[in-house]
Amino acid sequence: MRTLPVAAPRRALGQFFTAAPVARLAIAAVAPVSAATRVLDPMCGDGAFLAAAQAAGITSLTGVEIDAVEAARAAQLHGAAITRGDALAPGLPARLGTFDLVIGNPPYVRAGHVDPDVRRARAAAIAEDWPELPRELIDRVARHADVAATCLLRALRFVRPGGSFALVVSTALLDADCAEALWSAVARIAEVRALIIAPAERWFADAAVNPMLVTGVARRNAPSSPRLLRLTAPTEVAAREPGLDAIARHADERRAEDAAHWGPA
């Protein structure tokens, strides 16, 4: 996909668009997929992840995008159904339903840059998504963490039971003040299977973050012992073959039971 200049509106929305090899890596990490796999990117931008899914043979493509220009670009993908709107809007999961695979790159916006009333509304929306989660966990994430953390919980709501997810987020979510609350919440609703980083590359040249790909399955209260993969080959090479085992052949690997030790440093 193209490289865009970073303008103030993009920064306000936390938009940092995804290079094609990173999107392909996300699809490879959740293989196998098929034409019938129903895919959603709830913060789809210009459609990089949906394009990667389409290239893998998937034909059921759905996206949500708040930016009108980028939503129009994503809609140019053949067969993609794009909804223009806020991925964190109340009631959106009820309208869209669940999917076999949820992919994407949530926006990077620090909580302090978001109006407190908006944060409270988002906390209420996530509480509606996950009534079984303790409200104090949701409040700590939605009201005090980076917006990407809130988007992660919302994205998981779109995954059908047993379905998969592959999301690019900042490694800061592993050690931020709200990390314990975030991953405690995630552990109740999903099994994290892999965290993948590319220490020799900058996936987002214009973003002051160290990104990682988080993959897993929507499975409640399942123990997570994710594969922590540090790519030793270019992302483009690691993404060529489907499956975590294939990706691991291009990475240093370790495992960690406790989310406090997931940091792939």
Foldseek 3Di string as FASTA:
>chain_A
DDADDDDPVCVLQLDFDFDLLVLLQLCQAQDDDEQDFAEEAAAQFQNSNVVSVVVNNHQHAEYEHQDPVSQVNNVPPPNYHYHHDDLLDAPPCVVPPAGQEYEEEHGWDFLVSDPQVVLVNSLVRLCVLCVPDDSVLSSCPSRGGTVVLSVVSSRLSRHDAFGKYKYKDFLVCLPPPSNVSSVVVCLQFWAWAEKEFAVVDDRGPPDPGGIIIIMTGGDGNDFYWYKYWHFQDDSNVLSPHHHPVSSNVRTDIDTDRDSNPNRSD
